[in-house]
PDB file of N, CA and C in Angstrom:
ATOM      1  N   MET A   1       0.851  -1.173   0.000  1.00  0.00           N
ATOM      2  CA  MET A   1       0.000   0.000   0.000  1.00  0.00           C
ATOM      3  C   MET A   1       0.897   1.235   0.000  1.00  0.00           C
ATOM      4  N   LEU A   2       0.585   2.146  -0.883  1.00  0.00           N
ATOM      5  CA  LEU A   2       1.284   3.420  -0.955  1.00  0.00           C
ATOM      6  C   LEU A   2       0.543   4.419  -0.095  1.00  0.00           C
ATOM      7  N   ILE A   3       1.246   5.100   0.788  1.00  0.00           N
ATOM      8  CA  ILE A   3       0.630   6.099   1.655  1.00  0.00           C
ATOM      9  C   ILE A   3       1.243   7.453   1.313  1.00  0.00           C
ATOM     10  N   LEU A   4       0.381   8.398   0.941  1.00  0.00           N
ATOM     11  CA  LEU A   4       0.825   9.733   0.547  1.00  0.00           C
ATOM     12  C   LEU A   4       0.129  10.781   1.395  1.00  0.00           C
ATOM     13  N   GLY A   5       0.811  11.868   1.662  1.00  0.00           N
ATOM     14  CA  GLY A   5       0.187  13.024   2.280  1.00  0.00           C
ATOM     15  C   GLY A   5      -0.090  14.046   1.195  1.00  0.00           C
ATOM     16  N   ARG A   6      -1.307  14.542   1.113  1.00  0.00           N
ATOM     17  CA  ARG A   6      -1.678  15.534   0.104  1.00  0.00           C
ATOM     18  C   ARG A   6      -2.483  16.631   0.790  1.00  0.00           C
ATOM     19  N   LYS A   7      -2.340  17.836   0.311  1.00  0.00           N
ATOM     20  CA  LYS A   7      -3.090  18.981   0.814  1.00  0.00           C
ATOM     21  C   LYS A   7      -4.168  19.341  -0.214  1.00  0.00           C
ATOM     22  N   PRO A   8      -5.197  20.086   0.208  1.00  0.00           N
ATOM     23  CA  PRO A   8      -6.218  20.514  -0.756  1.00  0.00           C
ATOM     24  C   PRO A   8      -5.575  21.186  -1.976  1.00  0.00           C
ATOM     25  N   GLY A   9      -6.064  20.798  -3.140  1.00  0.00           N
ATOM     26  CA  GLY A   9      -5.537  21.327  -4.389  1.00  0.00           C
ATOM     27  C   GLY A   9      -4.423  20.481  -4.986  1.00  0.00           C
ATOM     28  N   GLU A  10      -3.849  19.568  -4.203  1.00  0.00           N
ATOM     29  CA  GLU A  10      -2.786  18.699  -4.710  1.00  0.00           C
ATOM     30  C   GLU A  10      -3.395  17.433  -5.292  1.00  0.00           C
ATOM     31  N   SER A  11      -2.692  16.842  -6.247  1.00  0.00           N
ATOM     32  CA  SER A  11      -3.207  15.677  -6.974  1.00  0.00           C
ATOM     33  C   SER A  11      -2.211  14.532  -6.957  1.00  0.00           C
ATOM     34  N   LEU A  12      -2.704  13.380  -7.387  1.00  0.00           N
ATOM     35  CA  LEU A  12      -1.838  12.247  -7.667  1.00  0.00           C
ATOM     36  C   LEU A  12      -2.341  11.584  -8.934  1.00  0.00           C
ATOM     37  N   LEU A  13      -1.448  10.920  -9.617  1.00  0.00           N
ATOM     38  CA  LEU A  13      -1.782  10.275 -10.880  1.00  0.00           C
ATOM     39  C   LEU A  13      -1.751   8.768 -10.710  1.00  0.00           C
ATOM     40  N   ILE A  14      -2.684   8.100 -11.366  1.00  0.00           N
ATOM     41  CA  ILE A  14      -2.693   6.638 -11.442  1.00  0.00           C
ATOM     42  C   ILE A  14      -2.617   6.310 -12.919  1.00  0.00           C
ATOM     43  N   GLY A  15      -1.485   5.794 -13.334  1.00  0.00           N
ATOM     44  CA  GLY A  15      -1.269   5.544 -14.755  1.00  0.00           C
ATOM     45  C   GLY A  15      -1.296   6.853 -15.520  1.00  0.00           C
ATOM     46  N   ASP A  16      -1.686   6.776 -16.792  1.00  0.00           N
ATOM     47  CA  ASP A  16      -1.744   7.957 -17.639  1.00  0.00           C
ATOM     48  C   ASP A  16      -3.138   8.568 -17.712  1.00  0.00           C
ATOM     49  N   GLN A  17      -4.141   7.868 -17.170  1.00  0.00           N
ATOM     50  CA  GLN A  17      -5.513   8.289 -17.418  1.00  0.00           C
ATOM     51  C   GLN A  17      -6.293   8.741 -16.192  1.00  0.00           C
ATOM     52  N   VAL A  18      -5.780   8.542 -14.995  1.00  0.00           N
ATOM     53  CA  VAL A  18      -6.556   8.851 -13.795  1.00  0.00           C
ATOM     54  C   VAL A  18      -5.802   9.872 -12.933  1.00  0.00           C
ATOM     55  N   THR A  19      -6.494  10.958 -12.608  1.00  0.00           N
ATOM     56  CA  THR A  19      -5.961  11.976 -11.704  1.00  0.00           C
ATOM     57  C   THR A  19      -6.917  12.100 -10.529  1.00  0.00           C
ATOM     58  N   ILE A  20      -6.376  12.036  -9.322  1.00  0.00           N
ATOM     59  CA  ILE A  20      -7.173  12.211  -8.107  1.00  0.00           C
ATOM     60  C   ILE A  20      -6.682  13.483  -7.433  1.00  0.00           C
ATOM     61  N   THR A  21      -7.617  14.401  -7.171  1.00  0.00           N
ATOM     62  CA  THR A  21      -7.279  15.686  -6.570  1.00  0.00           C
ATOM     63  C   THR A  21      -7.986  15.812  -5.230  1.00  0.00           C
ATOM     64  N   VAL A  22      -7.249  16.248  -4.204  1.00  0.00           N
ATOM     65  CA  VAL A  22      -7.849  16.521  -2.900  1.00  0.00           C
ATOM     66  C   VAL A  22      -8.542  17.872  -3.018  1.00  0.00           C
ATOM     67  N   LEU A  23      -9.863  17.878  -2.849  1.00  0.00           N
ATOM     68  CA  LEU A  23     -10.631  19.109  -2.957  1.00  0.00           C
ATOM     69  C   LEU A  23     -10.702  19.843  -1.630  1.00  0.00           C
ATOM     70  N   SER A  24     -10.936  19.084  -0.550  1.00  0.00           N
ATOM     71  CA  SER A  24     -10.992  19.702   0.774  1.00  0.00           C
ATOM     72  C   SER A  24     -10.774  18.644   1.848  1.00  0.00           C
ATOM     73  N   VAL A  25     -10.327  19.129   2.998  1.00  0.00           N
ATOM     74  CA  VAL A  25     -10.175  18.284   4.183  1.00  0.00           C
ATOM     75  C   VAL A  25     -10.881  19.017   5.319  1.00  0.00           C
ATOM     76  N   GLU A  26     -11.929  18.389   5.864  1.00  0.00           N
ATOM     77  CA  GLU A  26     -12.723  19.009   6.921  1.00  0.00           C
ATOM     78  C   GLU A  26     -12.084  18.730   8.280  1.00  0.00           C
ATOM     79  N   PRO A  27     -12.346  19.583   9.268  1.00  0.00           N
ATOM     80  CA  PRO A  27     -11.784  19.368  10.609  1.00  0.00           C
ATOM     81  C   PRO A  27     -12.135  18.006  11.211  1.00  0.00           C
ATOM     82  N   GLY A  28     -13.305  17.468  10.877  1.00  0.00           N
ATOM     83  CA  GLY A  28     -13.709  16.160  11.404  1.00  0.00           C
ATOM     84  C   GLY A  28     -13.027  14.996  10.715  1.00  0.00           C
ATOM     85  N   GLY A  29     -12.212  15.270   9.712  1.00  0.00           N
ATOM     86  CA  GLY A  29     -11.486  14.207   9.030  1.00  0.00           C
ATOM     87  C   GLY A  29     -12.064  13.822   7.683  1.00  0.00           C
ATOM     88  N   ASN A  30     -13.222  14.362   7.305  1.00  0.00           N
ATOM     89  CA  ASN A  30     -13.791  14.044   5.991  1.00  0.00           C
ATOM     90  C   ASN A  30     -12.942  14.664   4.894  1.00  0.00           C
ATOM     91  N   VAL A  31     -12.685  13.882   3.872  1.00  0.00           N
ATOM     92  CA  VAL A  31     -11.885  14.331   2.743  1.00  0.00           C
ATOM     93  C   VAL A  31     -12.747  14.269   1.489  1.00  0.00           C
ATOM     94  N   SER A  32     -12.750  15.336   0.711  1.00  0.00           N
ATOM     95  CA  SER A  32     -13.450  15.344  -0.578  1.00  0.00           C
ATOM     96  C   SER A  32     -12.410  15.184  -1.670  1.00  0.00           C
ATOM     97  N   LEU A  33     -12.654  14.213  -2.551  1.00  0.00           N
ATOM     98  CA  LEU A  33     -11.740  13.926  -3.646  1.00  0.00           C
ATOM     99  C   LEU A  33     -12.429  14.174  -4.969  1.00  0.00           C
ATOM    100  N   GLY A  34     -11.668  14.653  -5.941  1.00  0.00           N
ATOM    101  CA  GLY A  34     -12.139  14.748  -7.312  1.00  0.00           C
ATOM    102  C   GLY A  34     -11.381  13.725  -8.139  1.00  0.00           C
ATOM    103  N   ILE A  35     -12.089  12.989  -8.969  1.00  0.00           N
ATOM    104  CA  ILE A  35     -11.460  11.946  -9.775  1.00  0.00           C
ATOM    105  C   ILE A  35     -11.705  12.262 -11.243  1.00  0.00           C
ATOM    106  N   ASP A  36     -10.623  12.397 -11.991  1.00  0.00           N
ATOM    107  CA  ASP A  36     -10.697  12.622 -13.425  1.00  0.00           C
ATOM    108  C   ASP A  36     -10.230  11.344 -14.101  1.00  0.00           C
ATOM    109  N   ALA A  37     -11.166  10.645 -14.755  1.00  0.00           N
ATOM    110  CA  ALA A  37     -10.865   9.359 -15.394  1.00  0.00           C
ATOM    111  C   ALA A  37     -11.747   9.211 -16.626  1.00  0.00           C
ATOM    112  N   PRO A  38     -11.367   8.329 -17.547  1.00  0.00           N
ATOM    113  CA  PRO A  38     -12.207   8.084 -18.724  1.00  0.00           C
ATOM    114  C   PRO A  38     -13.595   7.592 -18.312  1.00  0.00           C
ATOM    115  N   ARG A  39     -14.613   7.993 -19.069  1.00  0.00           N
ATOM    116  CA  ARG A  39     -16.000   7.610 -18.756  1.00  0.00           C
ATOM    117  C   ARG A  39     -16.189   6.100 -18.690  1.00  0.00           C
ATOM    118  N   GLU A  40     -15.478   5.359 -19.518  1.00  0.00           N
ATOM    119  CA  GLU A  40     -15.673   3.910 -19.560  1.00  0.00           C
ATOM    120  C   GLU A  40     -15.044   3.198 -18.359  1.00  0.00           C
ATOM    121  N   MET A  41     -14.290   3.911 -17.542  1.00  0.00           N
ATOM    122  CA  MET A  41     -13.655   3.306 -16.365  1.00  0.00           C
ATOM    123  C   MET A  41     -14.635   3.316 -15.198  1.00  0.00           C
ATOM    124  N   LEU A  42     -14.929   2.149 -14.652  1.00  0.00           N
ATOM    125  CA  LEU A  42     -15.836   2.027 -13.516  1.00  0.00           C
ATOM    126  C   LEU A  42     -15.120   2.479 -12.244  1.00  0.00           C
ATOM    127  N   ILE A  43     -15.750   3.388 -11.509  1.00  0.00           N
ATOM    128  CA  ILE A  43     -15.196   3.866 -10.246  1.00  0.00           C
ATOM    129  C   ILE A  43     -16.274   3.667  -9.187  1.00  0.00           C
ATOM    130  N   LEU A  44     -15.981   2.861  -8.183  1.00  0.00           N
ATOM    131  CA  LEU A  44     -16.928   2.565  -7.106  1.00  0.00           C
ATOM    132  C   LEU A  44     -16.273   2.772  -5.751  1.00  0.00           C
ATOM    133  N   ARG A  45     -17.090   3.186  -4.780  1.00  0.00           N
ATOM    134  CA  ARG A  45     -16.598   3.148  -3.396  1.00  0.00           C
ATOM    135  C   ARG A  45     -16.455   1.681  -3.019  1.00  0.00           C
ATOM    136  N   LYS A  46     -15.429   1.364  -2.252  1.00  0.00           N
ATOM    137  CA  LYS A  46     -15.130  -0.030  -1.927  1.00  0.00           C
ATOM    138  C   LYS A  46     -16.309  -0.719  -1.243  1.00  0.00           C
ATOM    139  N   GLU A  47     -17.002  -0.012  -0.341  1.00  0.00           N
ATOM    140  CA  GLU A  47     -18.117  -0.650   0.374  1.00  0.00           C
ATOM    141  C   GLU A  47     -19.255  -1.015  -0.576  1.00  0.00           C
ATOM    142  N   LEU A  48     -19.446  -0.249  -1.658  1.00  0.00           N
ATOM    143  CA  LEU A  48     -20.471  -0.610  -2.638  1.00  0.00           C
ATOM    144  C   LEU A  48     -20.070  -1.849  -3.428  1.00  0.00           C
ATOM    145  N   GLN A  49     -18.800  -1.934  -3.768  1.00  0.00           N
ATOM    146  CA  GLN A  49     -18.312  -3.105  -4.494  1.00  0.00           C
ATOM    147  C   GLN A  49     -18.437  -4.347  -3.621  1.00  0.00           C
ATOM    148  N   GLN A  50     -18.116  -4.216  -2.337  1.00  0.00           N
ATOM    149  CA  GLN A  50     -18.226  -5.352  -1.423  1.00  0.00           C
ATOM    150  C   GLN A  50     -19.678  -5.775  -1.247  1.00  0.00           C
ATOM    151  N   ALA A  51     -20.596  -4.815  -1.150  1.00  0.00           N
ATOM    152  CA  ALA A  51     -22.015  -5.142  -1.005  1.00  0.00           C
ATOM    153  C   ALA A  51     -22.530  -5.840  -2.261  1.00  0.00           C
ATOM    154  N   ALA A  52     -22.120  -5.365  -3.431  1.00  0.00           N
ATOM    155  CA  ALA A  52     -22.545  -5.996  -4.678  1.00  0.00           C
ATOM    156  C   ALA A  52     -22.020  -7.417  -4.762  1.00  0.00           C
ATOM    157  N   SER A  53     -20.777  -7.612  -4.353  1.00  0.00           N
ATOM    158  CA  SER A  53     -20.181  -8.946  -4.365  1.00  0.00           C
ATOM    159  C   SER A  53     -20.932  -9.876  -3.409  1.00  0.00           C
ATOM    160  N   PHE A  54     -21.256  -9.369  -2.207  1.00  0.00           N
ATOM    161  CA  PHE A  54     -21.985 -10.166  -1.219  1.00  0.00           C
ATOM    162  C   PHE A  54     -23.362 -10.540  -1.763  1.00  0.00           C
ATOM    163  N   ASN A  55     -24.037  -9.587  -2.413  1.00  0.00           N
ATOM    164  CA  ASN A  55     -25.362  -9.862  -2.970  1.00  0.00           C
ATOM    165  C   ASN A  55     -25.298 -10.912  -4.069  1.00  0.00           C
ATOM    166  N   ARG A  56     -24.275 -10.839  -4.921  1.00  0.00           N
ATOM    167  CA  ARG A  56     -24.126 -11.852  -5.973  1.00  0.00           C
ATOM    168  C   ARG A  56     -23.885 -13.228  -5.359  1.00  0.00           C
ATOM    169  N   GLU A  57     -23.043 -13.284  -4.324  1.00  0.00           N
ATOM    170  CA  GLU A  57     -22.776 -14.568  -3.666  1.00  0.00           C
ATOM    171  C   GLU A  57     -24.032 -15.108  -2.996  1.00  0.00           C
ATOM    172  N   SER A  58     -24.806 -14.233  -2.363  1.00  0.00           N
ATOM    173  CA  SER A  58     -26.042 -14.657  -1.696  1.00  0.00           C
ATOM    174  C   SER A  58     -27.052 -15.174  -2.707  1.00  0.00           C
ATOM    175  N   ALA A  59     -27.106 -14.567  -3.867  1.00  0.00           N
ATOM    176  CA  ALA A  59     -28.050 -15.000  -4.902  1.00  0.00           C
ATOM    177  C   ALA A  59     -27.685 -16.372  -5.448  1.00  0.00           C
ATOM    178  N   ASP A  60     -26.421 -16.757  -5.331  1.00  0.00           N
ATOM    179  CA  ASP A  60     -25.976 -18.055  -5.824  1.00  0.00           C
ATOM    180  C   ASP A  60     -26.259 -19.198  -4.856  1.00  0.00           C
ATOM    181  N   VAL A  61     -26.637 -18.869  -3.603  1.00  0.00           N
ATOM    182  CA  VAL A  61     -26.891 -19.907  -2.603  1.00  0.00           C
ATOM    183  C   VAL A  61     -28.188 -20.631  -2.949  1.00  0.00           C
ATOM    184  N   LYS A  62     -28.153 -21.938  -2.942  1.00  0.00           N
ATOM    185  CA  LYS A  62     -29.345 -22.747  -3.220  1.00  0.00           C
ATOM    186  C   LYS A  62     -30.182 -22.860  -1.946  1.00  0.00           C
ATOM    187  N   ALA A  63     -31.475 -22.705  -2.099  1.00  0.00           N
ATOM    188  CA  ALA A  63     -32.383 -22.814  -0.960  1.00  0.00           C
ATOM    189  C   ALA A  63     -32.525 -24.279  -0.552  1.00  0.00           C
ATOM    190  N   SER A  64     -32.430 -24.526   0.745  1.00  0.00           N
ATOM    191  CA  SER A  64     -32.613 -25.887   1.247  1.00  0.00           C
ATOM    192  C   SER A  64     -34.105 -26.170   1.399  1.00  0.00           C
ATOM    193  N   ALA A  65     -34.444 -27.435   1.546  1.00  0.00           N
ATOM    194  CA  ALA A  65     -35.843 -27.817   1.744  1.00  0.00           C
ATOM    195  C   ALA A  65     -36.389 -27.179   3.017  1.00  0.00           C
ATOM    196  N   GLN A  66     -35.554 -27.079   4.053  1.00  0.00           N
ATOM    197  CA  GLN A  66     -35.984 -26.462   5.312  1.00  0.00           C
ATOM    198  C   GLN A  66     -36.309 -24.981   5.106  1.00  0.00           C
ATOM    199  N   MET A  67     -35.474 -24.289   4.338  1.00  0.00           N
ATOM    200  CA  MET A  67     -35.715 -22.867   4.080  1.00  0.00           C
ATOM    201  C   MET A  67     -37.027 -22.676   3.337  1.00  0.00           C
ATOM    202  N   ILE A  68     -37.284 -23.514   2.360  1.00  0.00           N
ATOM    203  CA  ILE A  68     -38.514 -23.410   1.568  1.00  0.00           C
ATOM    204  C   ILE A  68     -39.732 -23.715   2.433  1.00  0.00           C
ATOM    205  N   ASP A  69     -39.653 -24.759   3.271  1.00  0.00           N
ATOM    206  CA  ASP A  69     -40.763 -25.103   4.162  1.00  0.00           C
ATOM    207  C   ASP A  69     -41.067 -23.956   5.130  1.00  0.00           C
ATOM    208  N   ALA A  70     -40.027 -23.349   5.694  1.00  0.00           N
ATOM    209  CA  ALA A  70     -40.221 -22.249   6.639  1.00  0.00           C
ATOM    210  C   ALA A  70     -40.851 -21.053   5.940  1.00  0.00           C
ATOM    211  N   LEU A  71     -40.411 -20.749   4.737  1.00  0.00           N
ATOM    212  CA  LEU A  71     -40.978 -19.646   3.982  1.00  0.00           C
ATOM    213  C   LEU A  71     -42.445 -19.907   3.640  1.00  0.00           C
ATOM    214  N   GLU A  72     -42.761 -21.123   3.217  1.00  0.00           N
ATOM    215  CA  GLU A  72     -44.153 -21.466   2.905  1.00  0.00           C
ATOM    216  C   GLU A  72     -45.036 -21.329   4.139  1.00  0.00           C
ATOM    217  N   LEU A  73     -44.528 -21.738   5.303  1.00  0.00           N
ATOM    218  CA  LEU A  73     -45.286 -21.635   6.549  1.00  0.00           C
ATOM    219  C   LEU A  73     -45.580 -20.172   6.872  1.00  0.00           C
ATOM    220  N   VAL A  74     -44.588 -19.329   6.769  1.00  0.00           N
ATOM    221  CA  VAL A  74     -44.771 -17.911   7.077  1.00  0.00           C
ATOM    222  C   VAL A  74     -45.738 -17.270   6.082  1.00  0.00           C
ATOM    223  N   LEU A  75     -45.610 -17.600   4.817  1.00  0.00           N
ATOM    224  CA  LEU A  75     -46.471 -16.998   3.809  1.00  0.00           C
ATOM    225  C   LEU A  75     -47.908 -17.494   3.888  1.00  0.00           C
ATOM    226  N   SER A  76     -48.113 -18.720   4.341  1.00  0.00           N
ATOM    227  CA  SER A  76     -49.473 -19.256   4.435  1.00  0.00           C
ATOM    228  C   SER A  76     -50.190 -18.786   5.693  1.00  0.00           C
ATOM    229  N   HIS A  77     -49.437 -18.309   6.692  1.00  0.00           N
ATOM    230  CA  HIS A  77     -50.022 -17.812   7.937  1.00  0.00           C
ATOM    231  C   HIS A  77     -49.363 -16.473   8.291  1.00  0.00           C
ATOM    232  N   PRO A  78     -49.628 -15.428   7.524  1.00  0.00           N
ATOM    233  CA  PRO A  78     -48.911 -14.165   7.719  1.00  0.00           C
ATOM    234  C   PRO A  78     -49.213 -13.457   9.043  1.00  0.00           C
ATOM    235  N   ASN A  79     -50.350 -13.732   9.686  1.00  0.00           N
ATOM    236  CA  ASN A  79     -50.694 -13.055  10.926  1.00  0.00           C
ATOM    237  C   ASN A  79     -50.237 -13.805  12.173  1.00  0.00           C
ATOM    238  N   ASP A  80     -49.774 -15.038  12.009  1.00  0.00           N
ATOM    239  CA  ASP A  80     -49.303 -15.830  13.149  1.00  0.00           C
ATOM    240  C   ASP A  80     -47.912 -15.346  13.549  1.00  0.00           C
ATOM    241  N   LYS A  81     -47.669 -15.313  14.856  1.00  0.00           N
ATOM    242  CA  LYS A  81     -46.346 -14.947  15.362  1.00  0.00           C
ATOM    243  C   LYS A  81     -45.488 -16.202  15.409  1.00  0.00           C
ATOM    244  N   GLN A  82     -44.274 -16.105  14.884  1.00  0.00           N
ATOM    245  CA  GLN A  82     -43.330 -17.215  14.938  1.00  0.00           C
ATOM    246  C   GLN A  82     -42.584 -17.171  16.251  1.00  0.00           C
ATOM    247  N   GLN A  83     -42.393 -18.305  16.879  1.00  0.00           N
ATOM    248  CA  GLN A  83     -41.674 -18.395  18.158  1.00  0.00           C
ATOM    249  C   GLN A  83     -40.242 -18.761  17.903  1.00  0.00           C
TER     250      GLN A  83
END
């Protein structure tokens, strides 16, 4: 991992096509960044990428017979409280 110190208005380059500029640093520690990159380059916050990955993995899980039975029970008796 490369660790750099940058002040507002300073930039760093990633390859020939991506420039990241520090726009502001708030007293509470929030940093605003500007990213200049080609439109076709996907840029995501890491937590969004992780959530998307988790959702894809969850969608691949096969439902067990027990899961299906429990779901059918809940759907057939929606007003009953489950213990």
